[in-house]
Amino acid sequence: MAALIVLLAVSASATGASAAGSCRPTRDGKDRVENPGVCPSGYVARGACCESIRAMAPSAVQTACPAGMMQRLGTCVPRQ
């Protein structure tokens, strides 16, 4: 019985973690954010995320990412 409870807890936390990180930038450079119910101006609803209408401009200011992060499409994202 205890093993079943542990399995359910691990399963629920893994599902929550994957959902929390599901709104990543698209391959064509469009920003995606969690959908709070109404998307901000310049974004359209795409499932559980809001996707920007335009591609993000590459950042010329930021050249390095903090520890544990990597650069993807001009922004720092967590390493996987």
Protein backbone atom coordinates (compact mmCIF):
# COMPACT_ATOMS: atom_id res chain seq x y z
CA MET A 1 0.00 0.00 0.00
CA ALA A 2 2.83 2.42 0.88
CA ALA A 3 4.50 1.67 -2.46
CA LEU A 4 1.30 2.64 -4.27
CA ILE A 5 1.10 5.95 -2.41
CA VAL A 6 4.75 6.72 -3.24
CA LEU A 7 4.17 5.81 -6.90
CA LEU A 8 1.15 8.12 -7.12
CA ALA A 9 3.08 10.99 -5.47
CA VAL A 10 6.02 10.62 -7.87
CA SER A 11 3.67 10.37 -10.84
CA ALA A 12 1.79 13.54 -9.84
CA SER A 13 4.98 15.56 -9.30
CA ALA A 14 6.41 14.45 -12.67
CA THR A 15 3.18 15.43 -14.43
CA GLY A 16 3.18 18.86 -12.76
CA ALA A 17 6.83 19.43 -13.66
CA SER A 18 6.28 18.56 -17.31
CA ALA A 19 3.22 20.82 -17.51
CA ALA A 20 5.06 23.70 -15.84
CA GLY A 21 7.80 23.65 -18.46
CA SER A 22 5.60 23.02 -21.46
CA CYS A 23 5.47 26.65 -22.63
CA ARG A 24 8.92 26.97 -24.15
CA PRO A 25 9.85 29.18 -27.12
CA THR A 26 9.02 27.68 -30.51
CA ARG A 27 11.68 26.62 -32.99
CA ASP A 28 10.89 29.60 -35.19
CA GLY A 29 11.64 32.03 -32.33
CA LYS A 30 8.19 32.80 -30.98
CA ASP A 31 7.92 33.31 -27.23
CA ARG A 32 5.42 31.16 -25.31
CA VAL A 33 4.08 31.81 -21.80
CA GLU A 34 1.59 30.05 -19.51
CA ASN A 35 -2.01 30.92 -20.38
CA PRO A 36 -3.51 32.68 -17.34
CA GLY A 37 -6.99 32.57 -18.91
CA VAL A 38 -6.63 35.64 -21.14
CA CYS A 39 -3.49 36.05 -23.25
CA PRO A 40 -1.60 39.35 -23.07
CA SER A 41 -1.62 41.77 -25.99
CA GLY A 42 0.46 40.44 -28.89
CA TYR A 43 -0.13 36.78 -27.94
CA VAL A 44 -2.66 34.19 -29.13
CA ALA A 45 -3.91 31.11 -27.26
CA ARG A 46 -2.26 27.84 -28.29
CA GLY A 47 -3.51 25.09 -25.98
CA ALA A 48 -2.30 25.72 -22.43
CA CYS A 49 0.09 28.44 -23.63
CA CYS A 50 -0.04 31.91 -25.13
CA GLU A 51 2.22 32.25 -28.19
CA SER A 52 3.59 35.56 -29.41
CA ILE A 53 2.44 36.75 -32.82
CA ARG A 54 5.97 37.79 -33.80
CA ALA A 55 9.31 36.03 -33.43
CA MET A 56 11.60 37.29 -30.67
CA ALA A 57 14.50 39.51 -31.69
CA PRO A 58 17.86 37.96 -30.77
CA SER A 59 19.35 39.59 -27.72
CA ALA A 60 22.67 41.26 -28.49
CA VAL A 61 23.15 42.32 -24.87
CA GLN A 62 23.23 38.91 -23.24
CA THR A 63 26.22 36.80 -24.28
CA ALA A 64 26.38 34.23 -21.46
CA CYS A 65 23.77 32.39 -19.42
CA PRO A 66 23.88 31.76 -15.67
CA ALA A 67 24.97 28.37 -14.31
CA GLY A 68 22.48 25.61 -15.06
CA MET A 69 21.12 27.44 -18.10
CA MET A 70 21.85 27.26 -21.84
CA GLN A 71 21.13 29.63 -24.68
CA ARG A 72 18.36 28.72 -27.11
CA LEU A 73 16.88 31.06 -29.68
CA GLY A 74 18.58 34.03 -28.05
CA THR A 75 17.27 33.36 -24.56
CA CYS A 76 18.53 31.41 -21.55
CA VAL A 77 16.57 28.26 -20.78
CA PRO A 78 17.15 25.57 -18.12
CA ARG A 79 19.43 22.71 -19.15
CA GLN A 80 17.60 19.42 -19.56
